C-alpha atoms as a PDB file:
ATOM      1  CA  MET A   1      87.315 163.804  67.193  1.00  0.00           C
ATOM      2  CA  THR A   2      86.315 160.406  66.473  1.00  0.00           C
ATOM      3  CA  CYS A   3      88.351 157.500  67.458  1.00  0.00           C
ATOM      4  CA  TYR A   4      88.868 154.075  65.811  1.00  0.00           C
ATOM      5  CA  PHE A   5      89.900 151.162  67.685  1.00  0.00           C
ATOM      6  CA  LEU A   6      91.782 148.696  65.159  1.00  0.00           C
ATOM      7  CA  ALA A   7      92.517 145.193  66.177  1.00  0.00           C
ATOM      8  CA  ARG A   8      94.172 142.070  64.178  1.00  0.00           C
ATOM      9  CA  LEU A   9      93.397 138.817  65.841  1.00  0.00           C
ATOM     10  CA  THR A  10      94.537 135.646  65.642  1.00  0.00           C
ATOM     11  CA  ILE A  11      92.110 133.638  67.182  1.00  0.00           C
ATOM     12  CA  HIS A  12      93.141 129.988  68.518  1.00  0.00           C
ATOM     13  CA  ASP A  13      90.096 129.097  70.860  1.00  0.00           C
ATOM     14  CA  PRO A  14      86.787 129.900  68.602  1.00  0.00           C
ATOM     15  CA  ALA A  15      84.753 128.165  71.285  1.00  0.00           C
ATOM     16  CA  THR A  16      85.627 130.852  74.035  1.00  0.00           C
ATOM     17  CA  TYR A  17      86.177 133.927  71.705  1.00  0.00           C
ATOM     18  CA  ALA A  18      82.286 133.324  70.649  1.00  0.00           C
ATOM     19  CA  LEU A  19      81.815 134.151  74.659  1.00  0.00           C
ATOM     20  CA  TYR A  20      83.275 137.090  74.179  1.00  0.00           C
ATOM     21  CA  LEU A  21      81.680 138.018  71.155  1.00  0.00           C
ATOM     22  CA  ALA A  22      78.422 137.597  73.107  1.00  0.00           C
ATOM     23  CA  GLY A  23      78.645 139.822  75.776  1.00  0.00           C
ATOM     24  CA  THR A  24      80.677 142.742  72.887  1.00  0.00           C
ATOM     25  CA  ASP A  25      77.378 144.712  71.832  1.00  0.00           C
ATOM     26  CA  ALA A  26      76.132 146.238  75.122  1.00  0.00           C
ATOM     27  CA  PRO A  27      79.528 147.742  76.494  1.00  0.00           C
ATOM     28  CA  LEU A  28      79.855 149.048  72.745  1.00  0.00           C
ATOM     29  CA  ALA A  29      76.786 150.679  72.654  1.00  0.00           C
ATOM     30  CA  ARG A  30      76.968 151.870  75.905  1.00  0.00           C
ATOM     31  CA  PHE A  31      80.147 154.513  74.360  1.00  0.00           C
ATOM     32  CA  GLY A  32      78.325 155.253  71.248  1.00  0.00           C
ATOM     33  CA  ALA A  33      80.367 152.962  69.225  1.00  0.00           C
ATOM     34  CA  ARG A  34      79.522 151.930  65.866  1.00  0.00           C
ATOM     35  CA  VAL A  35      81.258 148.521  64.494  1.00  0.00           C
ATOM     36  CA  LEU A  36      82.178 149.417  61.050  1.00  0.00           C
ATOM     37  CA  ALA A  37      84.166 146.315  59.403  1.00  0.00           C
ATOM     38  CA  VAL A  38      84.857 142.459  60.800  1.00  0.00           C
ATOM     39  CA  ASP A  39      87.065 140.596  58.126  1.00  0.00           C
ATOM     40  CA  ASP A  40      88.430 137.189  58.453  1.00  0.00           C
ATOM     41  CA  SER A  41      90.237 137.386  55.262  1.00  0.00           C
ATOM     42  CA  PRO A  42      91.151 141.068  54.206  1.00  0.00           C
ATOM     43  CA  GLN A  43      92.510 141.843  51.128  1.00  0.00           C
ATOM     44  CA  VAL A  44      96.441 142.739  51.559  1.00  0.00           C
ATOM     45  CA  LEU A  45      97.625 145.382  49.328  1.00  0.00           C
ATOM     46  CA  GLU A  46     101.282 145.242  50.934  1.00  0.00           C
ATOM     47  CA  GLY A  47     103.138 143.559  53.387  1.00  0.00           C
ATOM     48  CA  ALA A  48     101.773 140.708  55.580  1.00  0.00           C
ATOM     49  CA  TRP A  49      98.911 140.983  57.792  1.00  0.00           C
ATOM     50  CA  PRO A  50      99.151 138.018  59.711  1.00  0.00           C
ATOM     51  CA  CYS A  51      96.235 137.652  61.946  1.00  0.00           C
ATOM     52  CA  SER A  52      93.191 135.636  61.232  1.00  0.00           C
ATOM     53  CA  ARG A  53      90.360 138.238  61.944  1.00  0.00           C
ATOM     54  CA  THR A  54      90.565 142.483  61.627  1.00  0.00           C
ATOM     55  CA  VAL A  55      87.999 144.597  63.374  1.00  0.00           C
ATOM     56  CA  LEU A  56      87.628 148.747  63.023  1.00  0.00           C
ATOM     57  CA  ILE A  57      85.539 150.129  65.797  1.00  0.00           C
ATOM     58  CA  GLU A  58      84.298 154.178  65.788  1.00  0.00           C
ATOM     59  CA  PHE A  59      83.868 155.991  68.644  1.00  0.00           C
ATOM     60  CA  PRO A  60      82.649 159.534  68.770  1.00  0.00           C
ATOM     61  CA  ASP A  61      85.657 160.834  70.879  1.00  0.00           C
ATOM     62  CA  GLU A  62      88.878 159.477  72.185  1.00  0.00           C
ATOM     63  CA  ALA A  63      87.439 159.307  76.140  1.00  0.00           C
ATOM     64  CA  ALA A  64      84.658 157.777  74.720  1.00  0.00           C
ATOM     65  CA  ALA A  65      87.205 154.841  73.277  1.00  0.00           C
ATOM     66  CA  ARG A  66      89.035 154.911  76.417  1.00  0.00           C
ATOM     67  CA  GLY A  67      86.103 154.851  78.869  1.00  0.00           C
ATOM     68  CA  TRP A  68      84.758 151.805  76.680  1.00  0.00           C
ATOM     69  CA  TYR A  69      87.812 149.800  76.858  1.00  0.00           C
ATOM     70  CA  GLY A  70      88.839 150.444  80.753  1.00  0.00           C
ATOM     71  CA  SER A  71      84.998 149.801  81.723  1.00  0.00           C
ATOM     72  CA  PRO A  72      84.475 147.060  83.988  1.00  0.00           C
ATOM     73  CA  GLU A  73      81.880 146.127  81.924  1.00  0.00           C
ATOM     74  CA  TYR A  74      84.293 145.291  78.714  1.00  0.00           C
ATOM     75  CA  GLN A  75      86.882 144.268  81.210  1.00  0.00           C
ATOM     76  CA  ALA A  76      84.894 141.276  82.253  1.00  0.00           C
ATOM     77  CA  ILE A  77      84.403 139.859  79.053  1.00  0.00           C
ATOM     78  CA  ALA A  78      87.882 140.925  77.464  1.00  0.00           C
ATOM     79  CA  GLN A  79      89.268 138.159  79.422  1.00  0.00           C
ATOM     80  CA  HIS A  80      87.787 135.535  77.417  1.00  0.00           C
ATOM     81  CA  ARG A  81      89.250 137.566  74.041  1.00  0.00           C
ATOM     82  CA  HIS A  82      92.699 137.609  76.125  1.00  0.00           C
ATOM     83  CA  ARG A  83      92.201 133.777  76.539  1.00  0.00           C
ATOM     84  CA  ALA A  84      90.977 132.751  73.025  1.00  0.00           C
ATOM     85  CA  ALA A  85      93.129 135.164  70.856  1.00  0.00           C
ATOM     86  CA  THR A  86      96.223 136.897  70.143  1.00  0.00           C
ATOM     87  CA  THR A  87      95.313 140.268  69.622  1.00  0.00           C
ATOM     88  CA  ASP A  88      97.276 143.551  68.122  1.00  0.00           C
ATOM     89  CA  ALA A  89      94.940 146.558  68.831  1.00  0.00           C
ATOM     90  CA  VAL A  90      95.329 150.548  68.815  1.00  0.00           C
ATOM     91  CA  PHE A  91      93.282 153.383  68.859  1.00  0.00           C
ATOM     92  CA  LEU A  92      93.535 155.908  66.068  1.00  0.00           C
ATOM     93  CA  LYS A  93      92.379 159.349  66.153  1.00  0.00           C
ATOM     94  CA  GLY A  94      90.337 160.472  63.266  1.00  0.00           C
ATOM     95  CA  ARG A  95      90.544 163.558  61.190  1.00  0.00           C
ATOM     96  CA  SER A  96      88.874 166.662  62.398  1.00  0.00           C
END
């Protein structure tokens, strides 16, 4: 079953965040991910959306999503994101 990674970020250090972005393609590709959306100003329909970037990534299944997130390759670059942004992130199970 497809699994999605949804993140809402408030970026406070764009230069350090750029270091994170520079390393994301290889780990995503290794786990069969597709970046479906990256939006710096999504249209809010209800409630508040207090962030500066929203990201939606599709994985073939939950094992691939968890493998990507926990991989040493991803965790090595995630440190840049942790320093550069405040993040709320979830895995969402797709509908079969």
